[in-house]
Amino acid sequence: MSELDIPIFKKSYDLYRAFYGYRLDVPRQDRYALWQQCENGLLAVIEDILYASQSGPREKLPMLEKASARLNILRVFVRLAKDVKAIDGKKYVAIEQDLDEIGRMLGGWIRSTKDR
């Protein structure tokens, strides 16, 4: 199984595709600051997931914990985007549901890595 078959990678990848589609709906003043931070944060999470999938047991846990921390920061930025009306409530709910699912998957991966 390749890292591209990992469900958490697929979910994160699909979320970025949605983020990319929302970009043009984000007001110009927010698109190149706050929204860009959100996109960069999500790309960093995807990168960490890929690195973790290819890492040995010793390196995997720190990489997963880093991804988890970045995901939490991303949640704050997405909430801020909703609060400043850069995205509407419907998009926020959809993004937040995906972030929650990715967080649960990441938490499970972290627990299973710690148990080894």
PDB file of N, CA and C in Angstrom:
ATOM      1  N   MET A   1       0.849  -1.189   0.000  1.00  0.00           N
ATOM      2  CA  MET A   1       0.000   0.000   0.000  1.00  0.00           C
ATOM      3  C   MET A   1       0.890   1.246   0.000  1.00  0.00           C
ATOM      4  N   SER A   2       0.668   2.130  -0.926  1.00  0.00           N
ATOM      5  CA  SER A   2       1.464   3.351  -0.987  1.00  0.00           C
ATOM      6  C   SER A   2       0.862   4.409  -0.069  1.00  0.00           C
ATOM      7  N   GLU A   3       1.665   5.447   0.204  1.00  0.00           N
ATOM      8  CA  GLU A   3       1.185   6.517   1.076  1.00  0.00           C
ATOM      9  C   GLU A   3      -0.026   7.234   0.475  1.00  0.00           C
ATOM     10  N   LEU A   4      -0.197   7.136  -0.844  1.00  0.00           N
ATOM     11  CA  LEU A   4      -1.333   7.790  -1.488  1.00  0.00           C
ATOM     12  C   LEU A   4      -2.639   7.036  -1.256  1.00  0.00           C
ATOM     13  N   ASP A   5      -2.544   5.806  -0.742  1.00  0.00           N
ATOM     14  CA  ASP A   5      -3.729   5.007  -0.440  1.00  0.00           C
ATOM     15  C   ASP A   5      -4.191   5.172   1.006  1.00  0.00           C
ATOM     16  N   ILE A   6      -3.455   5.907   1.801  1.00  0.00           N
ATOM     17  CA  ILE A   6      -3.787   6.095   3.212  1.00  0.00           C
ATOM     18  C   ILE A   6      -5.037   6.979   3.306  1.00  0.00           C
ATOM     19  N   PRO A   7      -6.065   6.522   4.029  1.00  0.00           N
ATOM     20  CA  PRO A   7      -7.311   7.306   4.106  1.00  0.00           C
ATOM     21  C   PRO A   7      -7.119   8.742   4.599  1.00  0.00           C
ATOM     22  N   ILE A   8      -6.239   8.962   5.575  1.00  0.00           N
ATOM     23  CA  ILE A   8      -6.028  10.331   6.077  1.00  0.00           C
ATOM     24  C   ILE A   8      -5.408  11.215   4.997  1.00  0.00           C
ATOM     25  N   PHE A   9      -4.559  10.640   4.168  1.00  0.00           N
ATOM     26  CA  PHE A   9      -3.991  11.415   3.064  1.00  0.00           C
ATOM     27  C   PHE A   9      -5.090  11.782   2.067  1.00  0.00           C
ATOM     28  N   LYS A  10      -5.923  10.807   1.713  1.00  0.00           N
ATOM     29  CA  LYS A  10      -7.009  11.063   0.765  1.00  0.00           C
ATOM     30  C   LYS A  10      -7.939  12.158   1.278  1.00  0.00           C
ATOM     31  N   LYS A  11      -8.282  12.082   2.567  1.00  0.00           N
ATOM     32  CA  LYS A  11      -9.187  13.066   3.165  1.00  0.00           C
ATOM     33  C   LYS A  11      -8.558  14.462   3.143  1.00  0.00           C
ATOM     34  N   SER A  12      -7.284  14.552   3.485  1.00  0.00           N
ATOM     35  CA  SER A  12      -6.573  15.838   3.492  1.00  0.00           C
ATOM     36  C   SER A  12      -6.440  16.396   2.083  1.00  0.00           C
ATOM     37  N   TYR A  13      -6.148  15.526   1.151  1.00  0.00           N
ATOM     38  CA  TYR A  13      -6.009  15.909  -0.258  1.00  0.00           C
ATOM     39  C   TYR A  13      -7.333  16.482  -0.775  1.00  0.00           C
ATOM     40  N   ASP A  14      -8.421  15.774  -0.491  1.00  0.00           N
ATOM     41  CA  ASP A  14      -9.741  16.247  -0.921  1.00  0.00           C
ATOM     42  C   ASP A  14     -10.112  17.569  -0.261  1.00  0.00           C
ATOM     43  N   LEU A  15      -9.734  17.734   1.005  1.00  0.00           N
ATOM     44  CA  LEU A  15     -10.008  18.994   1.685  1.00  0.00           C
ATOM     45  C   LEU A  15      -9.247  20.138   1.018  1.00  0.00           C
ATOM     46  N   TYR A  16      -8.003  19.894   0.629  1.00  0.00           N
ATOM     47  CA  TYR A  16      -7.264  20.961  -0.050  1.00  0.00           C
ATOM     48  C   TYR A  16      -7.931  21.319  -1.378  1.00  0.00           C
ATOM     49  N   ARG A  17      -8.431  20.321  -2.083  1.00  0.00           N
ATOM     50  CA  ARG A  17      -9.130  20.610  -3.348  1.00  0.00           C
ATOM     51  C   ARG A  17     -10.334  21.517  -3.091  1.00  0.00           C
ATOM     52  N   ALA A  18     -11.050  21.281  -1.995  1.00  0.00           N
ATOM     53  CA  ALA A  18     -12.180  22.150  -1.635  1.00  0.00           C
ATOM     54  C   ALA A  18     -11.680  23.549  -1.278  1.00  0.00           C
ATOM     55  N   PHE A  19     -10.609  23.624  -0.475  1.00  0.00           N
ATOM     56  CA  PHE A  19     -10.008  24.918  -0.122  1.00  0.00           C
ATOM     57  C   PHE A  19      -9.684  25.700  -1.384  1.00  0.00           C
ATOM     58  N   TYR A  20      -9.064  25.036  -2.319  1.00  0.00           N
ATOM     59  CA  TYR A  20      -8.656  25.685  -3.570  1.00  0.00           C
ATOM     60  C   TYR A  20      -9.882  26.241  -4.305  1.00  0.00           C
ATOM     61  N   GLY A  21     -10.949  25.481  -4.291  1.00  0.00           N
ATOM     62  CA  GLY A  21     -12.174  25.938  -4.939  1.00  0.00           C
ATOM     63  C   GLY A  21     -12.821  27.117  -4.235  1.00  0.00           C
ATOM     64  N   TYR A  22     -12.651  27.207  -2.923  1.00  0.00           N
ATOM     65  CA  TYR A  22     -13.239  28.309  -2.161  1.00  0.00           C
ATOM     66  C   TYR A  22     -12.470  29.614  -2.323  1.00  0.00           C
ATOM     67  N   ARG A  23     -11.231  29.531  -2.777  1.00  0.00           N
ATOM     68  CA  ARG A  23     -10.345  30.697  -2.812  1.00  0.00           C
ATOM     69  C   ARG A  23     -10.986  31.908  -3.488  1.00  0.00           C
ATOM     70  N   LEU A  24     -11.630  31.696  -4.631  1.00  0.00           N
ATOM     71  CA  LEU A  24     -12.189  32.834  -5.357  1.00  0.00           C
ATOM     72  C   LEU A  24     -13.393  33.457  -4.658  1.00  0.00           C
ATOM     73  N   ASP A  25     -14.010  32.709  -3.736  1.00  0.00           N
ATOM     74  CA  ASP A  25     -15.131  33.256  -2.972  1.00  0.00           C
ATOM     75  C   ASP A  25     -14.667  34.069  -1.764  1.00  0.00           C
ATOM     76  N   VAL A  26     -13.401  33.945  -1.424  1.00  0.00           N
ATOM     77  CA  VAL A  26     -12.845  34.673  -0.278  1.00  0.00           C
ATOM     78  C   VAL A  26     -12.566  36.114  -0.724  1.00  0.00           C
ATOM     79  N   PRO A  27     -12.999  37.108   0.047  1.00  0.00           N
ATOM     80  CA  PRO A  27     -12.733  38.499  -0.328  1.00  0.00           C
ATOM     81  C   PRO A  27     -11.234  38.745  -0.547  1.00  0.00           C
ATOM     82  N   ARG A  28     -10.948  39.614  -1.497  1.00  0.00           N
ATOM     83  CA  ARG A  28      -9.559  39.877  -1.885  1.00  0.00           C
ATOM     84  C   ARG A  28      -8.671  40.241  -0.694  1.00  0.00           C
ATOM     85  N   GLN A  29      -9.205  41.061   0.232  1.00  0.00           N
ATOM     86  CA  GLN A  29      -8.385  41.507   1.363  1.00  0.00           C
ATOM     87  C   GLN A  29      -7.990  40.341   2.273  1.00  0.00           C
ATOM     88  N   ASP A  30      -8.759  39.250   2.246  1.00  0.00           N
ATOM     89  CA  ASP A  30      -8.461  38.090   3.086  1.00  0.00           C
ATOM     90  C   ASP A  30      -7.754  36.975   2.318  1.00  0.00           C
ATOM     91  N   ARG A  31      -7.856  36.999   1.003  1.00  0.00           N
ATOM     92  CA  ARG A  31      -7.363  35.899   0.172  1.00  0.00           C
ATOM     93  C   ARG A  31      -5.856  35.719   0.269  1.00  0.00           C
ATOM     94  N   TYR A  32      -5.131  36.815   0.335  1.00  0.00           N
ATOM     95  CA  TYR A  32      -3.671  36.725   0.287  1.00  0.00           C
ATOM     96  C   TYR A  32      -3.014  36.835   1.658  1.00  0.00           C
ATOM     97  N   ALA A  33      -3.810  36.825   2.683  1.00  0.00           N
ATOM     98  CA  ALA A  33      -3.253  36.854   4.043  1.00  0.00           C
ATOM     99  C   ALA A  33      -3.823  35.665   4.810  1.00  0.00           C
ATOM    100  N   LEU A  34      -5.004  35.839   5.376  1.00  0.00           N
ATOM    101  CA  LEU A  34      -5.601  34.800   6.214  1.00  0.00           C
ATOM    102  C   LEU A  34      -5.846  33.503   5.438  1.00  0.00           C
ATOM    103  N   TRP A  35      -6.467  33.597   4.268  1.00  0.00           N
ATOM    104  CA  TRP A  35      -6.781  32.376   3.525  1.00  0.00           C
ATOM    105  C   TRP A  35      -5.520  31.677   3.038  1.00  0.00           C
ATOM    106  N   GLN A  36      -4.523  32.461   2.664  1.00  0.00           N
ATOM    107  CA  GLN A  36      -3.248  31.868   2.249  1.00  0.00           C
ATOM    108  C   GLN A  36      -2.607  31.109   3.415  1.00  0.00           C
ATOM    109  N   GLN A  37      -2.732  31.654   4.630  1.00  0.00           N
ATOM    110  CA  GLN A  37      -2.224  30.958   5.819  1.00  0.00           C
ATOM    111  C   GLN A  37      -2.954  29.634   6.014  1.00  0.00           C
ATOM    112  N   CYS A  38      -4.263  29.647   5.795  1.00  0.00           N
ATOM    113  CA  CYS A  38      -5.048  28.411   5.919  1.00  0.00           C
ATOM    114  C   CYS A  38      -4.575  27.375   4.899  1.00  0.00           C
ATOM    115  N   GLU A  39      -4.420  27.803   3.661  1.00  0.00           N
ATOM    116  CA  GLU A  39      -3.961  26.881   2.623  1.00  0.00           C
ATOM    117  C   GLU A  39      -2.562  26.352   2.937  1.00  0.00           C
ATOM    118  N   ASN A  40      -1.672  27.241   3.343  1.00  0.00           N
ATOM    119  CA  ASN A  40      -0.308  26.813   3.673  1.00  0.00           C
ATOM    120  C   ASN A  40      -0.306  25.840   4.853  1.00  0.00           C
ATOM    121  N   GLY A  41      -1.160  26.090   5.838  1.00  0.00           N
ATOM    122  CA  GLY A  41      -1.257  25.193   6.982  1.00  0.00           C
ATOM    123  C   GLY A  41      -1.732  23.809   6.576  1.00  0.00           C
ATOM    124  N   LEU A  42      -2.733  23.768   5.707  1.00  0.00           N
ATOM    125  CA  LEU A  42      -3.242  22.475   5.250  1.00  0.00           C
ATOM    126  C   LEU A  42      -2.188  21.746   4.421  1.00  0.00           C
ATOM    127  N   LEU A  43      -1.475  22.465   3.577  1.00  0.00           N
ATOM    128  CA  LEU A  43      -0.400  21.845   2.796  1.00  0.00           C
ATOM    129  C   LEU A  43       0.687  21.284   3.715  1.00  0.00           C
ATOM    130  N   ALA A  44       0.979  21.993   4.795  1.00  0.00           N
ATOM    131  CA  ALA A  44       1.980  21.515   5.761  1.00  0.00           C
ATOM    132  C   ALA A  44       1.502  20.239   6.457  1.00  0.00           C
ATOM    133  N   VAL A  45       0.203  20.169   6.776  1.00  0.00           N
ATOM    134  CA  VAL A  45      -0.354  18.955   7.387  1.00  0.00           C
ATOM    135  C   VAL A  45      -0.224  17.786   6.417  1.00  0.00           C
ATOM    136  N   ILE A  46      -0.562  18.017   5.157  1.00  0.00           N
ATOM    137  CA  ILE A  46      -0.443  16.964   4.141  1.00  0.00           C
ATOM    138  C   ILE A  46       1.006  16.508   4.032  1.00  0.00           C
ATOM    139  N   GLU A  47       1.916  17.454   4.025  1.00  0.00           N
ATOM    140  CA  GLU A  47       3.344  17.138   3.948  1.00  0.00           C
ATOM    141  C   GLU A  47       3.778  16.289   5.150  1.00  0.00           C
ATOM    142  N   ASP A  48       3.356  16.669   6.348  1.00  0.00           N
ATOM    143  CA  ASP A  48       3.698  15.910   7.552  1.00  0.00           C
ATOM    144  C   ASP A  48       3.135  14.489   7.495  1.00  0.00           C
ATOM    145  N   ILE A  49       1.921  14.348   6.991  1.00  0.00           N
ATOM    146  CA  ILE A  49       1.304  13.018   6.861  1.00  0.00           C
ATOM    147  C   ILE A  49       2.128  12.157   5.902  1.00  0.00           C
ATOM    148  N   LEU A  50       2.538  12.740   4.798  1.00  0.00           N
ATOM    149  CA  LEU A  50       3.348  11.978   3.833  1.00  0.00           C
ATOM    150  C   LEU A  50       4.694  11.591   4.427  1.00  0.00           C
ATOM    151  N   TYR A  51       5.336  12.525   5.114  1.00  0.00           N
ATOM    152  CA  TYR A  51       6.616  12.208   5.757  1.00  0.00           C
ATOM    153  C   TYR A  51       6.446  11.102   6.794  1.00  0.00           C
ATOM    154  N   ALA A  52       5.389  11.203   7.601  1.00  0.00           N
ATOM    155  CA  ALA A  52       5.157  10.193   8.635  1.00  0.00           C
ATOM    156  C   ALA A  52       4.919   8.823   8.015  1.00  0.00           C
ATOM    157  N   SER A  53       4.204   8.797   6.897  1.00  0.00           N
ATOM    158  CA  SER A  53       3.902   7.511   6.261  1.00  0.00           C
ATOM    159  C   SER A  53       5.162   6.826   5.745  1.00  0.00           C
ATOM    160  N   GLN A  54       6.207   7.604   5.525  1.00  0.00           N
ATOM    161  CA  GLN A  54       7.449   7.049   4.989  1.00  0.00           C
ATOM    162  C   GLN A  54       8.552   6.964   6.047  1.00  0.00           C
ATOM    163  N   SER A  55       8.217   7.321   7.275  1.00  0.00           N
ATOM    164  CA  SER A  55       9.221   7.356   8.341  1.00  0.00           C
ATOM    165  C   SER A  55       9.282   6.033   9.084  1.00  0.00           C
ATOM    166  N   GLY A  56      10.429   5.818   9.702  1.00  0.00           N
ATOM    167  CA  GLY A  56      10.588   4.673  10.586  1.00  0.00           C
ATOM    168  C   GLY A  56       9.867   4.928  11.896  1.00  0.00           C
ATOM    169  N   PRO A  57       9.762   3.893  12.723  1.00  0.00           N
ATOM    170  CA  PRO A  57       9.005   4.014  13.980  1.00  0.00           C
ATOM    171  C   PRO A  57       9.483   5.150  14.886  1.00  0.00           C
ATOM    172  N   ARG A  58      10.764   5.392  14.926  1.00  0.00           N
ATOM    173  CA  ARG A  58      11.304   6.414  15.829  1.00  0.00           C
ATOM    174  C   ARG A  58      10.941   7.831  15.373  1.00  0.00           C
ATOM    175  N   GLU A  59      10.922   8.055  14.076  1.00  0.00           N
ATOM    176  CA  GLU A  59      10.635   9.393  13.542  1.00  0.00           C
ATOM    177  C   GLU A  59       9.141   9.659  13.358  1.00  0.00           C
ATOM    178  N   LYS A  60       8.352   8.601  13.296  1.00  0.00           N
ATOM    179  CA  LYS A  60       6.931   8.730  12.962  1.00  0.00           C
ATOM    180  C   LYS A  60       6.150   9.545  13.996  1.00  0.00           C
ATOM    181  N   LEU A  61       6.306   9.227  15.275  1.00  0.00           N
ATOM    182  CA  LEU A  61       5.518   9.890  16.310  1.00  0.00           C
ATOM    183  C   LEU A  61       5.746  11.406  16.347  1.00  0.00           C
ATOM    184  N   PRO A  62       6.987  11.900  16.346  1.00  0.00           N
ATOM    185  CA  PRO A  62       7.165  13.356  16.334  1.00  0.00           C
ATOM    186  C   PRO A  62       6.546  14.017  15.100  1.00  0.00           C
ATOM    187  N   MET A  63       6.608  13.347  13.964  1.00  0.00           N
ATOM    188  CA  MET A  63       6.027  13.902  12.740  1.00  0.00           C
ATOM    189  C   MET A  63       4.498  13.965  12.860  1.00  0.00           C
ATOM    190  N   LEU A  64       3.896  12.933  13.418  1.00  0.00           N
ATOM    191  CA  LEU A  64       2.438  12.923  13.600  1.00  0.00           C
ATOM    192  C   LEU A  64       2.005  13.978  14.611  1.00  0.00           C
ATOM    193  N   GLU A  65       2.776  14.146  15.672  1.00  0.00           N
ATOM    194  CA  GLU A  65       2.437  15.174  16.668  1.00  0.00           C
ATOM    195  C   GLU A  65       2.572  16.574  16.077  1.00  0.00           C
ATOM    196  N   LYS A  66       3.539  16.754  15.214  1.00  0.00           N
ATOM    197  CA  LYS A  66       3.693  18.034  14.518  1.00  0.00           C
ATOM    198  C   LYS A  66       2.480  18.292  13.617  1.00  0.00           C
ATOM    199  N   ALA A  67       2.047  17.264  12.905  1.00  0.00           N
ATOM    200  CA  ALA A  67       0.867  17.395  12.043  1.00  0.00           C
ATOM    201  C   ALA A  67      -0.365  17.751  12.878  1.00  0.00           C
ATOM    202  N   SER A  68      -0.487  17.140  14.046  1.00  0.00           N
ATOM    203  CA  SER A  68      -1.623  17.409  14.934  1.00  0.00           C
ATOM    204  C   SER A  68      -1.600  18.860  15.411  1.00  0.00           C
ATOM    205  N   ALA A  69      -0.434  19.352  15.776  1.00  0.00           N
ATOM    206  CA  ALA A  69      -0.319  20.752  16.214  1.00  0.00           C
ATOM    207  C   ALA A  69      -0.680  21.698  15.072  1.00  0.00           C
ATOM    208  N   ARG A  70      -0.197  21.391  13.885  1.00  0.00           N
ATOM    209  CA  ARG A  70      -0.520  22.243  12.723  1.00  0.00           C
ATOM    210  C   ARG A  70      -2.017  22.206  12.420  1.00  0.00           C
ATOM    211  N   LEU A  71      -2.629  21.041  12.591  1.00  0.00           N
ATOM    212  CA  LEU A  71      -4.061  20.920  12.348  1.00  0.00           C
ATOM    213  C   LEU A  71      -4.834  21.795  13.333  1.00  0.00           C
ATOM    214  N   ASN A  72      -4.392  21.838  14.582  1.00  0.00           N
ATOM    215  CA  ASN A  72      -5.060  22.685  15.585  1.00  0.00           C
ATOM    216  C   ASN A  72      -4.919  24.164  15.250  1.00  0.00           C
ATOM    217  N   ILE A  73      -3.763  24.562  14.756  1.00  0.00           N
ATOM    218  CA  ILE A  73      -3.563  25.953  14.327  1.00  0.00           C
ATOM    219  C   ILE A  73      -4.477  26.259  13.141  1.00  0.00           C
ATOM    220  N   LEU A  74      -4.564  25.315  12.215  1.00  0.00           N
ATOM    221  CA  LEU A  74      -5.440  25.485  11.058  1.00  0.00           C
ATOM    222  C   LEU A  74      -6.886  25.672  11.491  1.00  0.00           C
ATOM    223  N   ARG A  75      -7.325  24.921  12.486  1.00  0.00           N
ATOM    224  CA  ARG A  75      -8.698  25.069  12.993  1.00  0.00           C
ATOM    225  C   ARG A  75      -8.958  26.506  13.471  1.00  0.00           C
ATOM    226  N   VAL A  76      -7.981  27.082  14.166  1.00  0.00           N
ATOM    227  CA  VAL A  76      -8.123  28.451  14.667  1.00  0.00           C
ATOM    228  C   VAL A  76      -8.222  29.432  13.506  1.00  0.00           C
ATOM    229  N   PHE A  77      -7.363  29.263  12.490  1.00  0.00           N
ATOM    230  CA  PHE A  77      -7.394  30.175  11.345  1.00  0.00           C
ATOM    231  C   PHE A  77      -8.694  30.056  10.551  1.00  0.00           C
ATOM    232  N   VAL A  78      -9.207  28.835  10.416  1.00  0.00           N
ATOM    233  CA  VAL A  78     -10.473  28.647   9.700  1.00  0.00           C
ATOM    234  C   VAL A  78     -11.614  29.289  10.482  1.00  0.00           C
ATOM    235  N   ARG A  79     -11.600  29.127  11.812  1.00  0.00           N
ATOM    236  CA  ARG A  79     -12.630  29.781  12.645  1.00  0.00           C
ATOM    237  C   ARG A  79     -12.528  31.292  12.505  1.00  0.00           C
ATOM    238  N   LEU A  80     -11.307  31.808  12.490  1.00  0.00           N
ATOM    239  CA  LEU A  80     -11.106  33.243  12.316  1.00  0.00           C
ATOM    240  C   LEU A  80     -11.634  33.697  10.952  1.00  0.00           C
ATOM    241  N   ALA A  81     -11.392  32.895   9.916  1.00  0.00           N
ATOM    242  CA  ALA A  81     -11.907  33.227   8.575  1.00  0.00           C
ATOM    243  C   ALA A  81     -13.432  33.332   8.593  1.00  0.00           C
ATOM    244  N   LYS A  82     -14.077  32.444   9.343  1.00  0.00           N
ATOM    245  CA  LYS A  82     -15.543  32.518   9.468  1.00  0.00           C
ATOM    246  C   LYS A  82     -15.945  33.772  10.240  1.00  0.00           C
ATOM    247  N   ASP A  83     -15.240  34.050  11.336  1.00  0.00           N
ATOM    248  CA  ASP A  83     -15.602  35.181  12.188  1.00  0.00           C
ATOM    249  C   ASP A  83     -15.437  36.528  11.503  1.00  0.00           C
ATOM    250  N   VAL A  84     -14.460  36.643  10.607  1.00  0.00           N
ATOM    251  CA  VAL A  84     -14.269  37.909   9.879  1.00  0.00           C
ATOM    252  C   VAL A  84     -15.033  37.914   8.550  1.00  0.00           C
ATOM    253  N   LYS A  85     -15.840  36.864   8.368  1.00  0.00           N
ATOM    254  CA  LYS A  85     -16.705  36.736   7.187  1.00  0.00           C
ATOM    255  C   LYS A  85     -15.926  36.547   5.879  1.00  0.00           C
ATOM    256  N   ALA A  86     -14.733  35.952   5.986  1.00  0.00           N
ATOM    257  CA  ALA A  86     -13.979  35.613   4.776  1.00  0.00           C
ATOM    258  C   ALA A  86     -14.607  34.390   4.101  1.00  0.00           C
ATOM    259  N   ILE A  87     -15.217  33.519   4.910  1.00  0.00           N
ATOM    260  CA  ILE A  87     -15.985  32.395   4.379  1.00  0.00           C
ATOM    261  C   ILE A  87     -17.335  32.368   5.074  1.00  0.00           C
ATOM    262  N   ASP A  88     -18.320  31.817   4.390  1.00  0.00           N
ATOM    263  CA  ASP A  88     -19.657  31.770   4.989  1.00  0.00           C
ATOM    264  C   ASP A  88     -19.791  30.568   5.916  1.00  0.00           C
ATOM    265  N   GLY A  89     -20.866  30.560   6.664  1.00  0.00           N
ATOM    266  CA  GLY A  89     -21.094  29.515   7.656  1.00  0.00           C
ATOM    267  C   GLY A  89     -21.182  28.124   7.067  1.00  0.00           C
ATOM    268  N   LYS A  90     -21.755  28.010   5.878  1.00  0.00           N
ATOM    269  CA  LYS A  90     -21.908  26.701   5.237  1.00  0.00           C
ATOM    270  C   LYS A  90     -20.537  26.100   4.888  1.00  0.00           C
ATOM    271  N   LYS A  91     -19.668  26.921   4.321  1.00  0.00           N
ATOM    272  CA  LYS A  91     -18.312  26.452   3.992  1.00  0.00           C
ATOM    273  C   LYS A  91     -17.549  26.118   5.276  1.00  0.00           C
ATOM    274  N   TYR A  92     -17.735  26.947   6.286  1.00  0.00           N
ATOM    275  CA  TYR A  92     -17.061  26.706   7.563  1.00  0.00           C
ATOM    276  C   TYR A  92     -17.454  25.346   8.140  1.00  0.00           C
ATOM    277  N   VAL A  93     -18.731  25.050   8.135  1.00  0.00           N
ATOM    278  CA  VAL A  93     -19.210  23.779   8.684  1.00  0.00           C
ATOM    279  C   VAL A  93     -18.620  22.614   7.896  1.00  0.00           C
ATOM    280  N   ALA A  94     -18.610  22.725   6.576  1.00  0.00           N
ATOM    281  CA  ALA A  94     -18.054  21.646   5.742  1.00  0.00           C
ATOM    282  C   ALA A  94     -16.564  21.443   6.031  1.00  0.00           C
ATOM    283  N   ILE A  95     -15.829  22.539   6.126  1.00  0.00           N
ATOM    284  CA  ILE A  95     -14.389  22.451   6.411  1.00  0.00           C
ATOM    285  C   ILE A  95     -14.169  21.876   7.801  1.00  0.00           C
ATOM    286  N   GLU A  96     -14.919  22.362   8.758  1.00  0.00           N
ATOM    287  CA  GLU A  96     -14.748  21.927  10.146  1.00  0.00           C
ATOM    288  C   GLU A  96     -15.048  20.429  10.298  1.00  0.00           C
ATOM    289  N   GLN A  97     -16.047  19.938   9.591  1.00  0.00           N
ATOM    290  CA  GLN A  97     -16.343  18.499   9.639  1.00  0.00           C
ATOM    291  C   GLN A  97     -15.163  17.688   9.106  1.00  0.00           C
ATOM    292  N   ASP A  98     -14.585  18.151   8.008  1.00  0.00           N
ATOM    293  CA  ASP A  98     -13.421  17.458   7.450  1.00  0.00           C
ATOM    294  C   ASP A  98     -12.224  17.540   8.387  1.00  0.00           C
ATOM    295  N   LEU A  99     -12.004  18.707   8.988  1.00  0.00           N
ATOM    296  CA  LEU A  99     -10.901  18.855   9.941  1.00  0.00           C
ATOM    297  C   LEU A  99     -11.093  17.948  11.152  1.00  0.00           C
ATOM    298  N   ASP A 100     -12.343  17.827  11.613  1.00  0.00           N
ATOM    299  CA  ASP A 100     -12.625  16.928  12.738  1.00  0.00           C
ATOM    300  C   ASP A 100     -12.302  15.484  12.373  1.00  0.00           C
ATOM    301  N   GLU A 101     -12.705  15.079  11.174  1.00  0.00           N
ATOM    302  CA  GLU A 101     -12.442  13.707  10.742  1.00  0.00           C
ATOM    303  C   GLU A 101     -10.941  13.457  10.601  1.00  0.00           C
ATOM    304  N   ILE A 102     -10.235  14.398  10.010  1.00  0.00           N
ATOM    305  CA  ILE A 102      -8.779  14.272   9.883  1.00  0.00           C
ATOM    306  C   ILE A 102      -8.146  14.212  11.272  1.00  0.00           C
ATOM    307  N   GLY A 103      -8.637  15.030  12.197  1.00  0.00           N
ATOM    308  CA  GLY A 103      -8.126  15.018  13.565  1.00  0.00           C
ATOM    309  C   GLY A 103      -8.336  13.675  14.245  1.00  0.00           C
ATOM    310  N   ARG A 104      -9.511  13.077  14.044  1.00  0.00           N
ATOM    311  CA  ARG A 104      -9.772  11.760  14.630  1.00  0.00           C
ATOM    312  C   ARG A 104      -8.843  10.704  14.030  1.00  0.00           C
ATOM    313  N   MET A 105      -8.661  10.760  12.722  1.00  0.00           N
ATOM    314  CA  MET A 105      -7.778   9.806  12.053  1.00  0.00           C
ATOM    315  C   MET A 105      -6.339   9.967  12.547  1.00  0.00           C
ATOM    316  N   LEU A 106      -5.929  11.208  12.674  1.00  0.00           N
ATOM    317  CA  LEU A 106      -4.576  11.502  13.141  1.00  0.00           C
ATOM    318  C   LEU A 106      -4.393  11.040  14.585  1.00  0.00           C
ATOM    319  N   GLY A 107      -5.393  11.287  15.418  1.00  0.00           N
ATOM    320  CA  GLY A 107      -5.341  10.835  16.805  1.00  0.00           C
ATOM    321  C   GLY A 107      -5.232   9.326  16.908  1.00  0.00           C
ATOM    322  N   GLY A 108      -5.976   8.613  16.080  1.00  0.00           N
ATOM    323  CA  GLY A 108      -5.894   7.161  16.065  1.00  0.00           C
ATOM    324  C   GLY A 108      -4.525   6.670  15.634  1.00  0.00           C
ATOM    325  N   TRP A 109      -3.958   7.327  14.641  1.00  0.00           N
ATOM    326  CA  TRP A 109      -2.628   6.963  14.146  1.00  0.00           C
ATOM    327  C   TRP A 109      -1.578   7.213  15.233  1.00  0.00           C
ATOM    328  N   ILE A 110      -1.725   8.334  15.936  1.00  0.00           N
ATOM    329  CA  ILE A 110      -0.791   8.650  17.028  1.00  0.00           C
ATOM    330  C   ILE A 110      -0.896   7.598  18.130  1.00  0.00           C
ATOM    331  N   ARG A 111      -2.128   7.257  18.521  1.00  0.00           N
ATOM    332  CA  ARG A 111      -2.305   6.237  19.572  1.00  0.00           C
ATOM    333  C   ARG A 111      -1.722   4.896  19.162  1.00  0.00           C
ATOM    334  N   SER A 112      -1.965   4.484  17.913  1.00  0.00           N
ATOM    335  CA  SER A 112      -1.451   3.190  17.478  1.00  0.00           C
ATOM    336  C   SER A 112       0.069   3.201  17.381  1.00  0.00           C
ATOM    337  N   THR A 113       0.641   4.358  17.082  1.00  0.00           N
ATOM    338  CA  THR A 113       2.105   4.482  17.021  1.00  0.00           C
ATOM    339  C   THR A 113       2.702   4.417  18.424  1.00  0.00           C
ATOM    340  N   LYS A 114       2.029   5.027  19.399  1.00  0.00           N
ATOM    341  CA  LYS A 114       2.515   5.008  20.785  1.00  0.00           C
ATOM    342  C   LYS A 114       2.435   3.609  21.370  1.00  0.00           C
ATOM    343  N   ASP A 115       1.433   2.836  20.943  1.00  0.00           N
ATOM    344  CA  ASP A 115       1.230   1.492  21.487  1.00  0.00           C
ATOM    345  C   ASP A 115       2.270   0.485  21.010  1.00  0.00           C
ATOM    346  N   ARG A 116       3.003   0.820  19.994  1.00  0.00           N
ATOM    347  CA  ARG A 116       3.986  -0.121  19.432  1.00  0.00           C
ATOM    348  C   ARG A 116       5.248  -0.126  20.213  1.00  0.00           C
TER     349      ARG A 116
END
